[in-house]
């Protein structure tokens, strides 16, 4: 959108898009989440759903619900041949970049001060506050990192298309949630492995000619995993201490 609307060079549009996405994520956290720090989790979930619909409807109002066309992103959209198969360069770059970003994220969470604070806050919110951890800053940083990764992911995903609508990210977002649950909430490698498994299975289903059922398979998988293993493949079982 930034690339198409401003007619600026791609090497300027992409960093600007990432910065704007990060600012939006930070603003959403301050408006929709920070006031509910002490509220029940259900209230936070309702606020998240409400903010999602608000942003989608604002985009619908601005665009009129019409698909916003944009030119192909140079280099990423180029066609290449890999082992005799023809595909776009972005198809090869996406899994490689995903692994690099995951390793960087794991390193940040395990070996940095902010990462230790994130882990502490996720384990015990109240105790972390008593230990002097600035919870608001930690959560804001989490949203900033998440928004940055979302910007990268959306750019790679929509490189395969020539237009975008206000609701175009709804289904990929739901599938990302399913992947996180499938791999185990709180497990970064688990979420990535879950996403790869879902993606491979969906493509097999489409290859067999059952394209109509590919989305249904994903959500059926969510039901099965919640029944069979609610913590996901790599999720840790939380034991409440009395």
Protein backbone atom coordinates (compact mmCIF):
# COMPACT_ATOMS: atom_id res chain seq x y z
CA UNK A 1 0.00 0.00 0.00
CA UNK A 2 2.75 2.46 0.91
CA UNK A 3 4.63 1.45 -2.24
CA UNK A 4 1.57 1.98 -4.46
CA UNK A 5 0.15 5.15 -2.88
CA UNK A 6 3.33 7.17 -2.50
CA UNK A 7 5.09 6.07 -5.70
CA UNK A 8 8.35 6.02 -3.76
CA UNK A 9 11.30 3.68 -4.39
CA UNK A 10 10.86 0.16 -3.05
CA UNK A 11 13.92 0.44 -0.81
CA UNK A 12 12.23 3.39 0.92
CA UNK A 13 8.67 2.03 0.92
CA UNK A 14 9.53 -1.26 2.66
CA UNK A 15 11.32 0.29 5.70
CA UNK A 16 8.55 2.90 5.95
CA UNK A 17 5.90 0.16 5.90
CA UNK A 18 7.71 -1.67 8.70
CA UNK A 19 8.01 1.49 10.82
CA UNK A 20 4.30 2.34 10.34
CA UNK A 21 3.28 -1.21 11.28
CA UNK A 22 5.40 -1.08 14.44
CA UNK A 23 3.90 2.29 15.40
CA UNK A 24 0.39 0.90 14.83
CA UNK A 25 1.13 -2.13 17.00
CA UNK A 26 2.54 0.08 19.78
CA UNK A 27 -0.54 2.35 19.61
CA UNK A 28 -2.94 -0.60 19.74
CA UNK A 29 -1.17 -1.94 22.83
CA UNK A 30 -1.42 1.42 24.58
CA UNK A 31 -5.08 1.95 23.68
CA UNK A 32 -6.62 -1.52 23.82
CA UNK A 33 -4.44 -3.49 26.23
CA UNK A 34 -2.66 -1.25 28.74
CA UNK A 35 -5.90 0.00 30.39
CA UNK A 36 -6.87 -3.64 30.99
CA UNK A 37 -3.71 -4.84 32.76
CA UNK A 38 -5.65 -5.86 35.88
CA UNK A 39 -8.80 -6.97 34.07
CA UNK A 40 -9.83 -10.63 33.58
CA UNK A 41 -8.38 -12.36 30.52
CA UNK A 42 -11.80 -12.52 28.89
CA UNK A 43 -11.98 -8.71 28.92
CA UNK A 44 -8.60 -8.50 27.19
CA UNK A 45 -9.72 -11.01 24.55
CA UNK A 46 -12.90 -9.04 23.88
CA UNK A 47 -10.85 -5.85 23.58
CA UNK A 48 -8.54 -7.56 21.07
CA UNK A 49 -11.47 -8.75 18.96
CA UNK A 50 -13.05 -5.30 19.10
CA UNK A 51 -9.82 -3.59 18.02
CA UNK A 52 -9.48 -6.05 15.14
CA UNK A 53 -12.96 -5.22 13.84
CA UNK A 54 -12.37 -1.50 14.38
CA UNK A 55 -9.21 -1.51 12.26
CA UNK A 56 -10.84 -3.63 9.55
CA UNK A 57 -13.88 -1.35 9.34
CA UNK A 58 -11.73 1.78 9.29
CA UNK A 59 -9.86 0.29 6.35
CA UNK A 60 -13.17 -0.60 4.70
CA UNK A 61 -14.35 2.99 5.12
CA UNK A 62 -11.15 4.44 3.68
CA UNK A 63 -10.89 2.06 0.73
CA UNK A 64 -14.59 1.52 0.10
CA UNK A 65 -13.98 -2.21 0.40
CA UNK A 66 -12.30 -2.28 -3.00
CA UNK A 67 -9.15 -4.23 -3.68
CA UNK A 68 -6.12 -1.95 -3.59
CA UNK A 69 -3.81 -2.89 -6.45
CA UNK A 70 -0.05 -2.57 -6.21
CA UNK A 71 2.80 -3.35 -8.61
CA UNK A 72 4.92 -6.46 -8.25
CA UNK A 73 7.73 -6.08 -5.74
CA UNK A 74 11.00 -6.20 -7.66
CA UNK A 75 13.40 -9.09 -7.06
CA UNK A 76 11.05 -10.92 -4.67
CA UNK A 77 8.52 -11.47 -7.47
CA UNK A 78 11.11 -12.64 -9.99
CA UNK A 79 10.73 -16.18 -11.31
CA UNK A 80 13.55 -18.65 -10.66
CA UNK A 81 14.15 -22.35 -11.30
CA UNK A 82 14.93 -24.66 -8.37
CA UNK A 83 15.69 -28.32 -9.10
CA UNK A 84 13.81 -28.06 -12.37
CA UNK A 85 10.72 -26.45 -10.83
CA UNK A 86 9.75 -22.86 -11.61
CA UNK A 87 8.70 -20.65 -8.72
CA UNK A 88 8.94 -17.11 -7.40
CA UNK A 89 12.05 -16.10 -5.48
CA UNK A 90 9.91 -15.19 -2.46
CA UNK A 91 8.86 -18.87 -2.16
CA UNK A 92 12.48 -19.83 -1.51
CA UNK A 93 13.31 -16.81 0.64
CA UNK A 94 10.32 -17.17 2.99
CA UNK A 95 11.32 -20.41 4.80
CA UNK A 96 14.97 -19.35 4.99
CA UNK A 97 14.12 -15.93 6.41
CA UNK A 98 11.63 -17.53 8.80
CA UNK A 99 14.33 -19.76 10.28
CA UNK A 100 16.74 -16.82 10.59
CA UNK A 101 14.14 -14.65 12.36
CA UNK A 102 13.12 -17.49 14.67
CA UNK A 103 16.73 -18.10 15.71
CA UNK A 104 17.19 -14.37 16.31
CA UNK A 105 13.99 -14.23 18.38
CA UNK A 106 14.97 -17.27 20.46
CA UNK A 107 18.40 -15.75 21.10
CA UNK A 108 16.81 -12.45 22.14
CA UNK A 109 14.44 -14.15 24.57
CA UNK A 110 17.05 -16.46 26.08
CA UNK A 111 20.17 -14.30 26.25
CA UNK A 112 19.11 -10.66 26.65
CA UNK A 113 17.84 -8.68 29.62
CA UNK A 114 14.55 -7.80 27.93
CA UNK A 115 14.11 -11.46 27.00
CA UNK A 116 14.58 -12.55 30.61
CA UNK A 117 12.01 -9.95 31.64
CA UNK A 118 9.56 -11.30 29.05
CA UNK A 119 9.98 -14.85 30.33
CA UNK A 120 9.56 -13.74 33.93
CA UNK A 121 6.42 -11.74 33.16
CA UNK A 122 4.89 -14.64 31.24
CA UNK A 123 5.54 -17.01 34.15
CA UNK A 124 4.36 -14.83 37.02
CA UNK A 125 2.99 -11.37 36.29
CA UNK A 126 2.57 -10.16 39.87
CA UNK A 127 5.91 -11.45 41.16
CA UNK A 128 7.70 -9.85 38.21
CA UNK A 129 6.27 -6.49 39.21
CA UNK A 130 7.39 -6.99 42.81
CA UNK A 131 10.91 -7.80 41.56
CA UNK A 132 11.10 -4.41 39.87
CA UNK A 133 10.45 -5.44 36.26
CA UNK A 134 8.77 -2.64 34.30
CA UNK A 135 5.83 -4.64 33.02
CA UNK A 136 4.45 -1.90 30.77
CA UNK A 137 7.78 -1.50 28.99
CA UNK A 138 8.18 -5.26 28.59
CA UNK A 139 4.71 -5.69 27.09
CA UNK A 140 5.19 -2.71 24.79
CA UNK A 141 8.47 -4.20 23.55
CA UNK A 142 6.67 -7.49 22.93
CA UNK A 143 4.13 -5.72 20.74
CA UNK A 144 6.88 -3.86 18.89
CA UNK A 145 8.70 -7.10 18.11
CA UNK A 146 5.45 -8.82 17.13
CA UNK A 147 4.47 -5.94 14.84
CA UNK A 148 7.89 -5.99 13.19
CA UNK A 149 7.58 -9.71 12.48
CA UNK A 150 4.00 -9.24 11.25
CA UNK A 151 5.18 -6.57 8.80
CA UNK A 152 7.87 -8.88 7.40
CA UNK A 153 5.46 -11.80 7.18
CA UNK A 154 2.71 -9.83 5.46
CA UNK A 155 5.16 -8.43 2.91
CA UNK A 156 6.34 -11.92 2.01
CA UNK A 157 2.81 -13.34 1.95
CA UNK A 158 1.26 -10.65 -0.24
CA UNK A 159 4.14 -10.68 -2.70
CA UNK A 160 2.23 -13.55 -4.32
CA UNK A 161 -0.76 -11.26 -4.99
CA UNK A 162 -1.38 -8.08 -6.97
CA UNK A 163 -3.94 -6.53 -4.65
CA UNK A 164 -5.07 -6.44 -1.03
CA UNK A 165 -8.41 -5.86 0.71
CA UNK A 166 -9.07 -4.73 4.32
CA UNK A 167 -10.02 -8.29 5.31
CA UNK A 168 -7.26 -10.06 3.36
CA UNK A 169 -5.22 -10.72 6.50
CA UNK A 170 -8.07 -12.30 8.47
CA UNK A 171 -7.64 -15.88 7.25
CA UNK A 172 -3.81 -15.89 7.43
CA UNK A 173 -4.11 -14.49 10.95
CA UNK A 174 -6.50 -17.25 12.01
CA UNK A 175 -4.22 -19.89 10.51
CA UNK A 176 -1.26 -18.39 12.36
CA UNK A 177 -3.26 -18.76 15.58
CA UNK A 178 -4.01 -22.40 14.73
CA UNK A 179 -0.30 -22.99 14.06
CA UNK A 180 0.60 -21.47 17.45
CA UNK A 181 -1.94 -23.67 19.25
CA UNK A 182 -0.86 -26.73 17.27
CA UNK A 183 2.81 -26.21 18.11
CA UNK A 184 2.14 -25.10 21.67
CA UNK A 185 1.36 -21.62 22.95
CA UNK A 186 4.59 -20.11 24.28
CA UNK A 187 6.84 -22.31 22.16
CA UNK A 188 8.44 -20.36 19.31
CA UNK A 189 9.90 -23.42 17.52
CA UNK A 190 6.57 -25.18 18.06
CA UNK A 191 4.65 -22.41 16.32
CA UNK A 192 7.03 -22.51 13.35
CA UNK A 193 6.87 -26.29 13.06
CA UNK A 194 3.09 -26.14 13.37
CA UNK A 195 2.94 -23.56 10.57
CA UNK A 196 5.13 -25.68 8.29
CA UNK A 197 3.02 -28.80 8.96
CA UNK A 198 -0.22 -26.95 8.26
CA UNK A 199 1.20 -25.35 5.11
CA UNK A 200 2.48 -28.67 3.75
CA UNK A 201 -0.81 -30.45 4.50
CA UNK A 202 -2.85 -27.68 2.88
CA UNK A 203 -0.74 -27.80 -0.27
CA UNK A 204 -1.09 -31.59 -0.44
CA UNK A 205 -4.87 -31.23 -0.15
CA UNK A 206 -4.90 -28.61 -2.90
CA UNK A 207 -2.66 -30.79 -5.05
CA UNK A 208 -5.19 -33.61 -4.74
CA UNK A 209 -7.87 -31.28 -6.09
CA UNK A 210 -9.65 -30.71 -2.78
CA UNK A 211 -8.97 -26.97 -2.62
CA UNK A 212 -12.40 -26.28 -1.14
CA UNK A 213 -11.53 -28.29 1.97
CA UNK A 214 -8.07 -26.85 2.67
CA UNK A 215 -9.31 -24.21 5.13
CA UNK A 216 -11.72 -26.67 6.74
CA UNK A 217 -8.80 -29.04 7.34
CA UNK A 218 -6.88 -26.37 9.25
CA UNK A 219 -9.71 -25.66 11.67
CA UNK A 220 -10.57 -29.35 12.02
CA UNK A 221 -6.94 -29.84 13.04
CA UNK A 222 -7.39 -27.16 15.71
CA UNK A 223 -10.34 -29.06 17.20
CA UNK A 224 -8.43 -32.35 17.16
CA UNK A 225 -5.32 -30.89 18.83
CA UNK A 226 -7.39 -29.15 21.53
CA UNK A 227 -9.09 -32.45 22.35
CA UNK A 228 -6.04 -34.71 22.11
CA UNK A 229 -3.30 -32.41 23.47
CA UNK A 230 -4.56 -29.01 24.66
CA UNK A 231 -1.01 -27.74 25.32
CA UNK A 232 0.06 -28.42 21.71
CA UNK A 233 2.96 -30.50 20.44
CA UNK A 234 5.67 -28.64 22.37
CA UNK A 235 3.63 -26.73 24.94
CA UNK A 236 4.38 -27.12 28.63
CA UNK A 237 1.69 -28.17 31.05
CA UNK A 238 1.14 -25.44 33.63
CA UNK A 239 0.68 -26.68 37.19
CA UNK A 240 -1.10 -24.31 39.55
CA UNK A 241 0.50 -24.28 43.00
CA UNK A 242 -1.71 -23.77 46.03
